[in-house]
Amino acid sequence: MNTTDFDIDRLAGWLLLEVAGFAGPLSVKRFAGGQSNPTYCLETPSRNYVLRKKPSGKLLKGAHAVEREAWIMSALADTGVPVPAIHAVCEDEAIIGTSFFVMELVKGRIFWDATFPDVPNAERPAYFEAMNETIARLHTVNYAAAGLSDFGRPGQYLERQIALWSRQYLADEAAGRDPAMDELIAWLPKNIPEGQRTTICHGDFRCDNMIFHPSEPRILAVLDWELSTLGNPFADFAYHAMMYRMPPDIVAGLAGADRSGLNIPSEQDYVSAYCRRLGISEIPGWEYFIAFNLFRLAAIFHGIKGRVIRGNAASDEARTRAANLPRLIALAHATMMRCR
């Protein structure tokens, strides 16, 4: 069964030339999820692959950078950070209508619920340890040695990110404006914590963007690197740890869960474990980093709302994300008020 809007025979011909060992016949099925960049399983008699592409239609400048995803995963292949192998990248839009890349299909488990409901209570802390260790490992990679000196600009990450997402929000007139977002845009750049490090940042490090071993608390692959760059590791980690504040019906979150009963480490213990791995005592301005990331996610959801309105949303879940935008903005604004 093929579930695509592009020419599969043309794709198969390209794969035959560009992917070592590829042999048809080829069938294509779209994966669920993939809010920003549509993702497909490429099935052949001998092995399967994953294809990730830009969405069709008019796109905002700089968004949906699948080429950057392929670049960062290729660079991290020998660093100990678990990533799928990249087989080929195509920037010729004549093949399937947009740029895309083909990578290894990693078999394992994806947890869409941050409480890890199918895991025994006694084992659950080990899954949180695996996530904590993996993001800490990413933040200690020597990006220059990995060939990523040009992957972003060192320094002033928060300034640039606030400006970027503010521009994206303001440019998407179809999705409208919100007074609380406008207030965040005015407050965030004036209250950035002092002292910034530069490391590789994933940008969307959540449990549902990881493939875990079929039976062990071990991460086999981190996925969805579209928002990765050189940036502030504390902002990147705060986005991940934001799961403690996030309602589970917005994105994978722990708000409202019986964390003690589920044997899930507290937010404070989780942050402390990360700090120990980085050799620091604390993260100054922690609540600011949470507010920044709630704002950033709200800007992303605002973009999803715009794509829904324009008719080029990448998945069926997009309308739900767009509907949750007001709640997310309210969370960001409330955190900003606590910082004040």
C-alpha atoms as a PDB file:
ATOM      1  CA  MET A   1       0.000   0.000   0.000  1.00  0.00           C
ATOM      2  CA  ASN A   2       1.354   3.397  -0.981  1.00  0.00           C
ATOM      3  CA  THR A   3       0.321   6.517   0.954  1.00  0.00           C
ATOM      4  CA  THR A   4       2.111   9.362  -0.803  1.00  0.00           C
ATOM      5  CA  ASP A   5       1.486  12.408  -2.936  1.00  0.00           C
ATOM      6  CA  PHE A   6       4.622  11.894  -5.055  1.00  0.00           C
ATOM      7  CA  ASP A   7       5.858   9.628  -7.869  1.00  0.00           C
ATOM      8  CA  ILE A   8       7.152   6.418  -6.266  1.00  0.00           C
ATOM      9  CA  ASP A   9       8.710   5.095  -9.477  1.00  0.00           C
ATOM     10  CA  ARG A  10      10.781   8.262  -9.840  1.00  0.00           C
ATOM     11  CA  LEU A  11      11.868   7.944  -6.211  1.00  0.00           C
ATOM     12  CA  ALA A  12      12.808   4.286  -6.717  1.00  0.00           C
ATOM     13  CA  GLY A  13      14.967   5.218  -9.696  1.00  0.00           C
ATOM     14  CA  TRP A  14      16.813   7.812  -7.611  1.00  0.00           C
ATOM     15  CA  LEU A  15      17.305   5.366  -4.720  1.00  0.00           C
ATOM     16  CA  LEU A  16      18.760   2.799  -7.100  1.00  0.00           C
ATOM     17  CA  LEU A  17      21.440   5.302  -8.097  1.00  0.00           C
ATOM     18  CA  GLU A  18      22.125   6.939  -4.716  1.00  0.00           C
ATOM     19  CA  VAL A  19      21.631   4.320  -1.957  1.00  0.00           C
ATOM     20  CA  ALA A  20      24.135   1.470  -1.833  1.00  0.00           C
ATOM     21  CA  GLY A  21      22.437  -1.925  -1.870  1.00  0.00           C
ATOM     22  CA  PHE A  22      18.983  -0.601  -2.697  1.00  0.00           C
ATOM     23  CA  ALA A  23      16.789  -2.958  -4.728  1.00  0.00           C
ATOM     24  CA  GLY A  24      13.053  -2.730  -5.437  1.00  0.00           C
ATOM     25  CA  PRO A  25      10.183  -3.154  -5.744  1.00  0.00           C
ATOM     26  CA  LEU A  26       9.418  -0.209  -3.474  1.00  0.00           C
ATOM     27  CA  SER A  27       6.309   0.559  -1.443  1.00  0.00           C
ATOM     28  CA  VAL A  28       5.849   3.649   0.718  1.00  0.00           C
ATOM     29  CA  LYS A  29       3.795   4.229   3.851  1.00  0.00           C
ATOM     30  CA  ARG A  30       3.549   7.445   5.813  1.00  0.00           C
ATOM     31  CA  PHE A  31       4.298   7.357   9.540  1.00  0.00           C
ATOM     32  CA  ALA A  32       1.871   8.907  12.025  1.00  0.00           C
ATOM     33  CA  GLY A  33       3.128  12.143  13.578  1.00  0.00           C
ATOM     34  CA  GLY A  34       5.905  14.134  11.953  1.00  0.00           C
ATOM     35  CA  GLN A  35       4.231  17.494  12.573  1.00  0.00           C
ATOM     36  CA  SER A  36       6.720  19.555  10.659  1.00  0.00           C
ATOM     37  CA  ASN A  37       8.391  17.274   8.126  1.00  0.00           C
ATOM     38  CA  PRO A  38       6.399  14.342   6.683  1.00  0.00           C
ATOM     39  CA  THR A  39       8.130  11.009   7.310  1.00  0.00           C
ATOM     40  CA  TYR A  40       7.694   7.730   5.418  1.00  0.00           C
ATOM     41  CA  CYS A  41       8.696   4.081   5.649  1.00  0.00           C
ATOM     42  CA  LEU A  42      10.281   2.824   2.425  1.00  0.00           C
ATOM     43  CA  GLU A  43       9.702  -0.919   2.211  1.00  0.00           C
ATOM     44  CA  THR A  44      11.623  -3.301  -0.058  1.00  0.00           C
ATOM     45  CA  PRO A  45      11.944  -7.108  -0.019  1.00  0.00           C
ATOM     46  CA  SER A  46      15.436  -7.025   1.526  1.00  0.00           C
ATOM     47  CA  ARG A  47      15.323  -4.049   3.936  1.00  0.00           C
ATOM     48  CA  ASN A  48      13.364  -0.962   4.940  1.00  0.00           C
ATOM     49  CA  TYR A  49      14.405   2.688   5.140  1.00  0.00           C
ATOM     50  CA  VAL A  50      13.006   5.994   6.401  1.00  0.00           C
ATOM     51  CA  LEU A  51      12.453   9.036   4.160  1.00  0.00           C
ATOM     52  CA  ARG A  52      11.966  12.495   5.669  1.00  0.00           C
ATOM     53  CA  LYS A  53      10.940  15.427   3.458  1.00  0.00           C
ATOM     54  CA  LYS A  54       9.851  19.005   3.560  1.00  0.00           C
ATOM     55  CA  PRO A  55       6.078  19.536   3.410  1.00  0.00           C
ATOM     56  CA  SER A  56       4.560  20.631   0.133  1.00  0.00           C
ATOM     57  CA  GLY A  57       3.261  24.135  -0.481  1.00  0.00           C
ATOM     58  CA  LYS A  58       4.421  27.596   0.528  1.00  0.00           C
ATOM     59  CA  LEU A  59       6.874  27.492   3.466  1.00  0.00           C
ATOM     60  CA  LEU A  60       8.284  30.142   5.779  1.00  0.00           C
ATOM     61  CA  LYS A  61      11.915  31.023   5.075  1.00  0.00           C
ATOM     62  CA  GLY A  62      14.336  28.850   7.045  1.00  0.00           C
ATOM     63  CA  ALA A  63      11.702  26.379   8.226  1.00  0.00           C
ATOM     64  CA  HIS A  64      11.651  22.594   7.609  1.00  0.00           C
ATOM     65  CA  ALA A  65      15.412  22.313   7.126  1.00  0.00           C
ATOM     66  CA  VAL A  66      15.711  18.607   6.355  1.00  0.00           C
ATOM     67  CA  GLU A  67      19.206  19.133   4.964  1.00  0.00           C
ATOM     68  CA  ARG A  68      20.363  20.329   8.399  1.00  0.00           C
ATOM     69  CA  GLU A  69      18.838  17.248  10.001  1.00  0.00           C
ATOM     70  CA  ALA A  70      20.863  15.003   7.731  1.00  0.00           C
ATOM     71  CA  TRP A  71      24.004  17.076   8.334  1.00  0.00           C
ATOM     72  CA  ILE A  72      23.847  16.914  12.128  1.00  0.00           C
ATOM     73  CA  MET A  73      23.036  13.192  12.265  1.00  0.00           C
ATOM     74  CA  SER A  74      25.905  12.386   9.917  1.00  0.00           C
ATOM     75  CA  ALA A  75      28.292  14.471  12.033  1.00  0.00           C
ATOM     76  CA  LEU A  76      27.212  12.790  15.277  1.00  0.00           C
ATOM     77  CA  ALA A  77      27.612   9.244  13.951  1.00  0.00           C
ATOM     78  CA  ASP A  78      30.932   8.628  15.750  1.00  0.00           C
ATOM     79  CA  THR A  79      30.398  10.718  18.898  1.00  0.00           C
ATOM     80  CA  GLY A  80      28.469   8.266  21.068  1.00  0.00           C
ATOM     81  CA  VAL A  81      25.202  10.188  20.624  1.00  0.00           C
ATOM     82  CA  PRO A  82      22.725   7.615  19.244  1.00  0.00           C
ATOM     83  CA  VAL A  83      21.517   8.624  15.766  1.00  0.00           C
ATOM     84  CA  PRO A  84      20.297   6.729  12.675  1.00  0.00           C
ATOM     85  CA  ALA A  85      22.733   6.272   9.798  1.00  0.00           C
ATOM     86  CA  ILE A  86      22.133   8.654   6.874  1.00  0.00           C
ATOM     87  CA  HIS A  87      22.118   6.923   3.467  1.00  0.00           C
ATOM     88  CA  ALA A  88      21.540   9.824   1.055  1.00  0.00           C
ATOM     89  CA  VAL A  89      20.318  13.426   0.768  1.00  0.00           C
ATOM     90  CA  CYS A  90      18.426  14.904  -2.188  1.00  0.00           C
ATOM     91  CA  GLU A  91      17.984  18.638  -2.799  1.00  0.00           C
ATOM     92  CA  ASP A  92      16.590  18.137  -6.323  1.00  0.00           C
ATOM     93  CA  GLU A  93      12.898  18.990  -5.990  1.00  0.00           C
ATOM     94  CA  ALA A  94      12.183  17.292  -9.315  1.00  0.00           C
ATOM     95  CA  ILE A  95      12.366  13.843  -7.667  1.00  0.00           C
ATOM     96  CA  ILE A  96       9.459  14.034  -5.203  1.00  0.00           C
ATOM     97  CA  GLY A  97       8.614  17.753  -5.147  1.00  0.00           C
ATOM     98  CA  THR A  98      10.728  18.802  -2.127  1.00  0.00           C
ATOM     99  CA  SER A  99      14.158  18.184  -0.597  1.00  0.00           C
ATOM    100  CA  PHE A 100      14.440  14.958   1.417  1.00  0.00           C
ATOM    101  CA  PHE A 101      16.860  12.488   2.958  1.00  0.00           C
ATOM    102  CA  VAL A 102      16.905   8.735   3.461  1.00  0.00           C
ATOM    103  CA  MET A 103      18.127   7.148   6.687  1.00  0.00           C
ATOM    104  CA  GLU A 104      18.354   3.856   8.522  1.00  0.00           C
ATOM    105  CA  LEU A 105      15.157   2.396   9.991  1.00  0.00           C
ATOM    106  CA  VAL A 106      15.908   1.793  13.680  1.00  0.00           C
ATOM    107  CA  LYS A 107      13.632  -0.782  15.293  1.00  0.00           C
ATOM    108  CA  GLY A 108      12.589  -0.271  18.888  1.00  0.00           C
ATOM    109  CA  ARG A 109      10.026   1.484  21.066  1.00  0.00           C
ATOM    110  CA  ILE A 110       8.757   5.051  20.928  1.00  0.00           C
ATOM    111  CA  PHE A 111       7.014   6.314  24.059  1.00  0.00           C
ATOM    112  CA  TRP A 112       4.383   8.925  23.261  1.00  0.00           C
ATOM    113  CA  ASP A 113       3.508   9.272  26.955  1.00  0.00           C
ATOM    114  CA  ALA A 114       6.173  10.787  29.250  1.00  0.00           C
ATOM    115  CA  THR A 115       4.999   8.607  32.151  1.00  0.00           C
ATOM    116  CA  PHE A 116       6.319   5.530  30.290  1.00  0.00           C
ATOM    117  CA  PRO A 117       3.089   3.653  31.165  1.00  0.00           C
ATOM    118  CA  ASP A 118       4.186   0.251  29.816  1.00  0.00           C
ATOM    119  CA  VAL A 119       7.344   0.183  31.945  1.00  0.00           C
ATOM    120  CA  PRO A 120       7.387  -1.489  35.412  1.00  0.00           C
ATOM    121  CA  ASN A 121       7.671   1.011  38.271  1.00  0.00           C
ATOM    122  CA  ALA A 122      11.009  -0.381  39.408  1.00  0.00           C
ATOM    123  CA  GLU A 123      12.516   0.179  35.922  1.00  0.00           C
ATOM    124  CA  ARG A 124      11.066   3.622  35.212  1.00  0.00           C
ATOM    125  CA  PRO A 125      13.915   5.666  36.772  1.00  0.00           C
ATOM    126  CA  ALA A 126      16.368   3.967  34.391  1.00  0.00           C
ATOM    127  CA  TYR A 127      14.466   5.383  31.387  1.00  0.00           C
ATOM    128  CA  PHE A 128      14.737   8.892  32.801  1.00  0.00           C
ATOM    129  CA  GLU A 129      18.429   8.277  33.472  1.00  0.00           C
ATOM    130  CA  ALA A 130      18.870   7.226  29.820  1.00  0.00           C
ATOM    131  CA  MET A 131      17.295  10.456  28.561  1.00  0.00           C
ATOM    132  CA  ASN A 132      19.275  12.561  31.025  1.00  0.00           C
ATOM    133  CA  GLU A 133      22.563  10.875  30.137  1.00  0.00           C
ATOM    134  CA  THR A 134      21.933  11.183  26.392  1.00  0.00           C
ATOM    135  CA  ILE A 135      21.212  14.921  26.382  1.00  0.00           C
ATOM    136  CA  ALA A 136      24.170  15.525  28.712  1.00  0.00           C
ATOM    137  CA  ARG A 137      26.380  13.541  26.322  1.00  0.00           C
ATOM    138  CA  LEU A 138      25.156  15.658  23.404  1.00  0.00           C
ATOM    139  CA  HIS A 139      26.026  18.821  25.322  1.00  0.00           C
ATOM    140  CA  THR A 140      29.586  17.635  25.921  1.00  0.00           C
ATOM    141  CA  VAL A 141      30.362  16.773  22.276  1.00  0.00           C
ATOM    142  CA  ASN A 142      33.218  18.854  20.842  1.00  0.00           C
ATOM    143  CA  TYR A 143      31.288  20.416  17.976  1.00  0.00           C
ATOM    144  CA  ALA A 144      34.413  21.673  16.225  1.00  0.00           C
ATOM    145  CA  ALA A 145      35.989  18.196  16.244  1.00  0.00           C
ATOM    146  CA  ALA A 146      32.715  16.809  14.867  1.00  0.00           C
ATOM    147  CA  GLY A 147      32.939  19.191  11.891  1.00  0.00           C
ATOM    148  CA  LEU A 148      30.090  21.397  13.098  1.00  0.00           C
ATOM    149  CA  SER A 149      31.826  24.750  13.586  1.00  0.00           C
ATOM    150  CA  ASP A 150      29.590  26.188  10.840  1.00  0.00           C
ATOM    151  CA  PHE A 151      26.383  24.618  12.174  1.00  0.00           C
ATOM    152  CA  GLY A 152      25.479  27.798  14.025  1.00  0.00           C
ATOM    153  CA  ARG A 153      26.948  30.909  15.580  1.00  0.00           C
ATOM    154  CA  PRO A 154      28.517  30.677  19.048  1.00  0.00           C
ATOM    155  CA  GLY A 155      27.183  33.098  21.629  1.00  0.00           C
ATOM    156  CA  GLN A 156      23.952  35.117  21.885  1.00  0.00           C
ATOM    157  CA  TYR A 157      21.840  32.020  21.277  1.00  0.00           C
ATOM    158  CA  LEU A 158      18.899  33.237  23.326  1.00  0.00           C
ATOM    159  CA  GLU A 159      18.939  36.659  21.680  1.00  0.00           C
ATOM    160  CA  ARG A 160      18.898  35.061  18.246  1.00  0.00           C
ATOM    161  CA  GLN A 161      16.263  32.465  19.124  1.00  0.00           C
ATOM    162  CA  ILE A 162      13.920  35.034  20.643  1.00  0.00           C
ATOM    163  CA  ALA A 163      14.342  37.209  17.557  1.00  0.00           C
ATOM    164  CA  LEU A 164      13.840  34.238  15.211  1.00  0.00           C
ATOM    165  CA  TRP A 165      10.645  32.950  16.809  1.00  0.00           C
ATOM    166  CA  SER A 166       9.326  36.466  17.254  1.00  0.00           C
ATOM    167  CA  ARG A 167       9.807  37.050  13.515  1.00  0.00           C
ATOM    168  CA  GLN A 168       8.177  33.720  12.657  1.00  0.00           C
ATOM    169  CA  TYR A 169       5.220  34.563  14.883  1.00  0.00           C
ATOM    170  CA  LEU A 170       4.821  38.086  13.519  1.00  0.00           C
ATOM    171  CA  ALA A 171       5.265  36.994   9.901  1.00  0.00           C
ATOM    172  CA  ASP A 172       2.471  34.408  10.027  1.00  0.00           C
ATOM    173  CA  GLU A 173      -0.438  36.804   9.730  1.00  0.00           C
ATOM    174  CA  ALA A 174      -2.869  34.002   8.933  1.00  0.00           C
ATOM    175  CA  ALA A 175      -2.530  32.591  12.460  1.00  0.00           C
ATOM    176  CA  GLY A 176      -3.286  35.923  14.136  1.00  0.00           C
ATOM    177  CA  ARG A 177      -1.841  37.679  17.200  1.00  0.00           C
ATOM    178  CA  ASP A 178      -2.177  37.163  20.960  1.00  0.00           C
ATOM    179  CA  PRO A 179      -1.534  39.928  23.565  1.00  0.00           C
ATOM    180  CA  ALA A 180       0.249  37.485  25.911  1.00  0.00           C
ATOM    181  CA  MET A 181       2.641  36.454  23.129  1.00  0.00           C
ATOM    182  CA  ASP A 182       3.275  40.109  22.339  1.00  0.00           C
ATOM    183  CA  GLU A 183       4.127  40.694  26.009  1.00  0.00           C
ATOM    184  CA  LEU A 184       6.532  37.727  26.045  1.00  0.00           C
ATOM    185  CA  ILE A 185       8.236  39.045  22.912  1.00  0.00           C
ATOM    186  CA  ALA A 186       8.832  42.367  24.682  1.00  0.00           C
ATOM    187  CA  TRP A 187       9.969  40.852  28.040  1.00  0.00           C
ATOM    188  CA  LEU A 188      12.207  37.925  27.053  1.00  0.00           C
ATOM    189  CA  PRO A 189      15.093  39.790  25.340  1.00  0.00           C
ATOM    190  CA  LYS A 190      15.398  42.220  28.272  1.00  0.00           C
ATOM    191  CA  ASN A 191      15.794  39.519  30.945  1.00  0.00           C
ATOM    192  CA  ILE A 192      18.282  36.989  29.544  1.00  0.00           C
ATOM    193  CA  PRO A 193      20.419  35.358  32.303  1.00  0.00           C
ATOM    194  CA  GLU A 194      24.105  36.245  32.259  1.00  0.00           C
ATOM    195  CA  GLY A 195      26.741  33.769  31.103  1.00  0.00           C
ATOM    196  CA  GLN A 196      26.094  31.542  28.105  1.00  0.00           C
ATOM    197  CA  ARG A 197      27.808  28.364  26.945  1.00  0.00           C
ATOM    198  CA  THR A 198      27.820  27.054  23.388  1.00  0.00           C
ATOM    199  CA  THR A 199      27.200  23.379  22.574  1.00  0.00           C
ATOM    200  CA  ILE A 200      25.256  21.340  20.052  1.00  0.00           C
ATOM    201  CA  CYS A 201      21.552  21.662  20.893  1.00  0.00           C
ATOM    202  CA  HIS A 202      18.868  19.261  19.672  1.00  0.00           C
ATOM    203  CA  GLY A 203      16.012  21.736  19.940  1.00  0.00           C
ATOM    204  CA  ASP A 204      13.184  19.205  20.398  1.00  0.00           C
ATOM    205  CA  PHE A 205      14.502  16.619  22.868  1.00  0.00           C
ATOM    206  CA  ARG A 206      11.370  14.746  24.030  1.00  0.00           C
ATOM    207  CA  CYS A 207      10.707  11.098  24.830  1.00  0.00           C
ATOM    208  CA  ASP A 208       8.617  10.714  21.659  1.00  0.00           C
ATOM    209  CA  ASN A 209      11.601  11.800  19.548  1.00  0.00           C
ATOM    210  CA  MET A 210      13.677   8.841  20.745  1.00  0.00           C
ATOM    211  CA  ILE A 211      13.736   5.166  19.848  1.00  0.00           C
ATOM    212  CA  PHE A 212      14.373   2.957  22.870  1.00  0.00           C
ATOM    213  CA  HIS A 213      15.718  -0.596  22.817  1.00  0.00           C
ATOM    214  CA  PRO A 214      12.901  -3.192  22.450  1.00  0.00           C
ATOM    215  CA  SER A 215      13.295  -4.366  26.047  1.00  0.00           C
ATOM    216  CA  GLU A 216      16.002  -2.303  27.780  1.00  0.00           C
ATOM    217  CA  PRO A 217      16.103   1.276  29.166  1.00  0.00           C
ATOM    218  CA  ARG A 218      18.539   2.288  26.456  1.00  0.00           C
ATOM    219  CA  ILE A 219      18.167   4.861  23.668  1.00  0.00           C
ATOM    220  CA  LEU A 220      19.050   3.510  20.220  1.00  0.00           C
ATOM    221  CA  ALA A 221      18.370   6.684  18.234  1.00  0.00           C
ATOM    222  CA  VAL A 222      17.424  10.318  18.771  1.00  0.00           C
ATOM    223  CA  LEU A 223      15.186  11.609  15.969  1.00  0.00           C
ATOM    224  CA  ASP A 224      13.801  14.907  14.651  1.00  0.00           C
ATOM    225  CA  TRP A 225      16.852  17.181  14.493  1.00  0.00           C
ATOM    226  CA  GLU A 226      15.183  19.907  12.423  1.00  0.00           C
ATOM    227  CA  LEU A 227      15.601  22.548  15.152  1.00  0.00           C
ATOM    228  CA  SER A 228      19.176  21.609  16.068  1.00  0.00           C
ATOM    229  CA  THR A 229      21.929  24.221  16.079  1.00  0.00           C
ATOM    230  CA  LEU A 230      24.844  25.507  18.119  1.00  0.00           C
ATOM    231  CA  GLY A 231      23.336  27.093  21.180  1.00  0.00           C
ATOM    232  CA  ASN A 232      22.881  27.305  24.925  1.00  0.00           C
ATOM    233  CA  PRO A 233      22.754  23.818  26.505  1.00  0.00           C
ATOM    234  CA  PHE A 234      20.723  25.085  29.470  1.00  0.00           C
ATOM    235  CA  ALA A 235      17.978  26.282  27.142  1.00  0.00           C
ATOM    236  CA  ASP A 236      18.061  22.937  25.338  1.00  0.00           C
ATOM    237  CA  PHE A 237      17.896  20.955  28.566  1.00  0.00           C
ATOM    238  CA  ALA A 238      15.118  23.198  29.940  1.00  0.00           C
ATOM    239  CA  TYR A 239      13.045  22.428  26.846  1.00  0.00           C
ATOM    240  CA  HIS A 240      13.467  18.729  27.613  1.00  0.00           C
ATOM    241  CA  ALA A 241      12.771  19.129  31.356  1.00  0.00           C
ATOM    242  CA  MET A 242       9.721  21.249  30.503  1.00  0.00           C
ATOM    243  CA  MET A 243       7.929  17.875  30.403  1.00  0.00           C
ATOM    244  CA  TYR A 244       7.469  18.301  34.184  1.00  0.00           C
ATOM    245  CA  ARG A 245       5.262  21.373  33.548  1.00  0.00           C
ATOM    246  CA  MET A 246       3.554  20.222  30.341  1.00  0.00           C
ATOM    247  CA  PRO A 247      -0.010  18.833  30.204  1.00  0.00           C
ATOM    248  CA  PRO A 248       0.122  15.446  28.446  1.00  0.00           C
ATOM    249  CA  ASP A 249      -2.571  16.349  25.921  1.00  0.00           C
ATOM    250  CA  ILE A 250      -0.443  19.197  24.497  1.00  0.00           C
ATOM    251  CA  VAL A 251       2.832  17.284  24.046  1.00  0.00           C
ATOM    252  CA  ALA A 252       4.340  14.396  26.026  1.00  0.00           C
ATOM    253  CA  GLY A 253       4.241  15.807  29.568  1.00  0.00           C
ATOM    254  CA  LEU A 254       3.996  14.948  33.246  1.00  0.00           C
ATOM    255  CA  ALA A 255       1.733  17.711  34.580  1.00  0.00           C
ATOM    256  CA  GLY A 256      -0.979  16.132  36.727  1.00  0.00           C
ATOM    257  CA  ALA A 257       0.728  12.721  36.888  1.00  0.00           C
ATOM    258  CA  ASP A 258       1.328  10.927  40.201  1.00  0.00           C
ATOM    259  CA  ARG A 259       5.087  11.129  39.785  1.00  0.00           C
ATOM    260  CA  SER A 260       5.852   9.691  43.216  1.00  0.00           C
ATOM    261  CA  GLY A 261       3.516   6.748  42.688  1.00  0.00           C
ATOM    262  CA  LEU A 262       4.995   6.133  39.247  1.00  0.00           C
ATOM    263  CA  ASN A 263       8.553   6.243  40.652  1.00  0.00           C
ATOM    264  CA  ILE A 264       9.513   9.169  38.413  1.00  0.00           C
ATOM    265  CA  PRO A 265      12.334  11.407  39.672  1.00  0.00           C
ATOM    266  CA  SER A 266      11.354  14.898  40.754  1.00  0.00           C
ATOM    267  CA  GLU A 267      12.147  17.876  38.532  1.00  0.00           C
ATOM    268  CA  GLN A 268      14.744  19.039  41.056  1.00  0.00           C
ATOM    269  CA  ASP A 269      16.469  15.636  41.131  1.00  0.00           C
ATOM    270  CA  TYR A 270      16.369  15.419  37.332  1.00  0.00           C
ATOM    271  CA  VAL A 271      17.972  18.842  36.930  1.00  0.00           C
ATOM    272  CA  SER A 272      20.583  17.950  39.574  1.00  0.00           C
ATOM    273  CA  ALA A 273      21.497  14.745  37.717  1.00  0.00           C
ATOM    274  CA  TYR A 274      22.095  16.740  34.536  1.00  0.00           C
ATOM    275  CA  CYS A 275      24.204  19.286  36.415  1.00  0.00           C
ATOM    276  CA  ARG A 276      26.367  16.514  37.892  1.00  0.00           C
ATOM    277  CA  ARG A 277      26.983  15.131  34.422  1.00  0.00           C
ATOM    278  CA  LEU A 278      28.107  18.542  33.203  1.00  0.00           C
ATOM    279  CA  GLY A 279      30.180  19.199  36.297  1.00  0.00           C
ATOM    280  CA  ILE A 280      28.205  22.239  37.467  1.00  0.00           C
ATOM    281  CA  SER A 281      26.324  22.980  40.692  1.00  0.00           C
ATOM    282  CA  GLU A 282      23.163  24.563  39.247  1.00  0.00           C
ATOM    283  CA  ILE A 283      21.572  26.264  36.245  1.00  0.00           C
ATOM    284  CA  PRO A 284      21.185  29.997  36.975  1.00  0.00           C
ATOM    285  CA  GLY A 285      17.903  31.454  35.744  1.00  0.00           C
ATOM    286  CA  TRP A 286      16.134  28.093  35.512  1.00  0.00           C
ATOM    287  CA  GLU A 287      12.590  29.548  35.480  1.00  0.00           C
ATOM    288  CA  TYR A 288      13.579  31.985  32.729  1.00  0.00           C
ATOM    289  CA  PHE A 289      14.719  29.072  30.558  1.00  0.00           C
ATOM    290  CA  ILE A 290      11.356  27.375  31.113  1.00  0.00           C
ATOM    291  CA  ALA A 291       9.495  30.562  30.149  1.00  0.00           C
ATOM    292  CA  PHE A 292      11.649  30.962  27.042  1.00  0.00           C
ATOM    293  CA  ASN A 293      10.957  27.396  25.931  1.00  0.00           C
ATOM    294  CA  LEU A 294       7.216  27.639  26.518  1.00  0.00           C
ATOM    295  CA  PHE A 295       7.269  30.781  24.358  1.00  0.00           C
ATOM    296  CA  ARG A 296       9.332  29.006  21.700  1.00  0.00           C
ATOM    297  CA  LEU A 297       6.960  26.028  21.618  1.00  0.00           C
ATOM    298  CA  ALA A 298       4.004  28.393  21.427  1.00  0.00           C
ATOM    299  CA  ALA A 299       5.617  30.049  18.402  1.00  0.00           C
ATOM    300  CA  ILE A 300       6.026  26.626  16.805  1.00  0.00           C
ATOM    301  CA  PHE A 301       2.356  25.807  17.471  1.00  0.00           C
ATOM    302  CA  HIS A 302       1.453  29.203  16.052  1.00  0.00           C
ATOM    303  CA  GLY A 303       3.243  28.157  12.855  1.00  0.00           C
ATOM    304  CA  ILE A 304       1.276  24.885  12.834  1.00  0.00           C
ATOM    305  CA  LYS A 305      -1.937  26.892  13.163  1.00  0.00           C
ATOM    306  CA  GLY A 306      -0.867  28.969  10.174  1.00  0.00           C
ATOM    307  CA  ARG A 307      -0.218  25.836   8.106  1.00  0.00           C
ATOM    308  CA  VAL A 308      -3.657  24.473   9.051  1.00  0.00           C
ATOM    309  CA  ILE A 309      -5.256  27.704   7.871  1.00  0.00           C
ATOM    310  CA  ARG A 310      -3.215  27.705   4.641  1.00  0.00           C
ATOM    311  CA  GLY A 311      -4.016  24.038   4.019  1.00  0.00           C
ATOM    312  CA  ASN A 312      -0.487  22.561   4.067  1.00  0.00           C
ATOM    313  CA  ALA A 313      -0.340  21.119   7.605  1.00  0.00           C
ATOM    314  CA  ALA A 314       1.853  18.034   7.711  1.00  0.00           C
ATOM    315  CA  SER A 315      -0.319  15.676   9.792  1.00  0.00           C
ATOM    316  CA  ASP A 316      -3.802  15.006  11.116  1.00  0.00           C
ATOM    317  CA  GLU A 317      -2.656  16.085  14.592  1.00  0.00           C
ATOM    318  CA  ALA A 318      -1.963  19.615  13.390  1.00  0.00           C
ATOM    319  CA  ARG A 319      -5.508  20.845  14.078  1.00  0.00           C
ATOM    320  CA  THR A 320      -5.271  19.586  17.661  1.00  0.00           C
ATOM    321  CA  ARG A 321      -1.940  21.374  18.132  1.00  0.00           C
ATOM    322  CA  ALA A 322      -3.433  24.569  16.738  1.00  0.00           C
ATOM    323  CA  ALA A 323      -6.408  24.286  19.097  1.00  0.00           C
ATOM    324  CA  ASN A 324      -4.045  23.951  22.089  1.00  0.00           C
ATOM    325  CA  LEU A 325      -2.121  27.129  21.230  1.00  0.00           C
ATOM    326  CA  PRO A 326      -4.042  29.395  23.677  1.00  0.00           C
ATOM    327  CA  ARG A 327      -3.298  27.049  26.614  1.00  0.00           C
ATOM    328  CA  LEU A 328       0.379  26.932  25.733  1.00  0.00           C
ATOM    329  CA  ILE A 329       0.585  30.711  25.493  1.00  0.00           C
ATOM    330  CA  ALA A 330      -1.096  30.947  28.911  1.00  0.00           C
ATOM    331  CA  LEU A 331       1.525  28.595  30.423  1.00  0.00           C
ATOM    332  CA  ALA A 332       4.352  30.675  28.950  1.00  0.00           C
ATOM    333  CA  HIS A 333       2.840  33.919  30.215  1.00  0.00           C
ATOM    334  CA  ALA A 334       2.253  32.520  33.724  1.00  0.00           C
ATOM    335  CA  THR A 335       5.886  31.371  33.947  1.00  0.00           C
ATOM    336  CA  MET A 336       7.057  34.812  32.839  1.00  0.00           C
ATOM    337  CA  MET A 337       4.963  36.377  35.597  1.00  0.00           C
ATOM    338  CA  ARG A 338       6.579  34.070  38.189  1.00  0.00           C
ATOM    339  CA  CYS A 339       9.996  35.166  36.949  1.00  0.00           C
ATOM    340  CA  ARG A 340       9.015  38.789  37.504  1.00  0.00           C
END
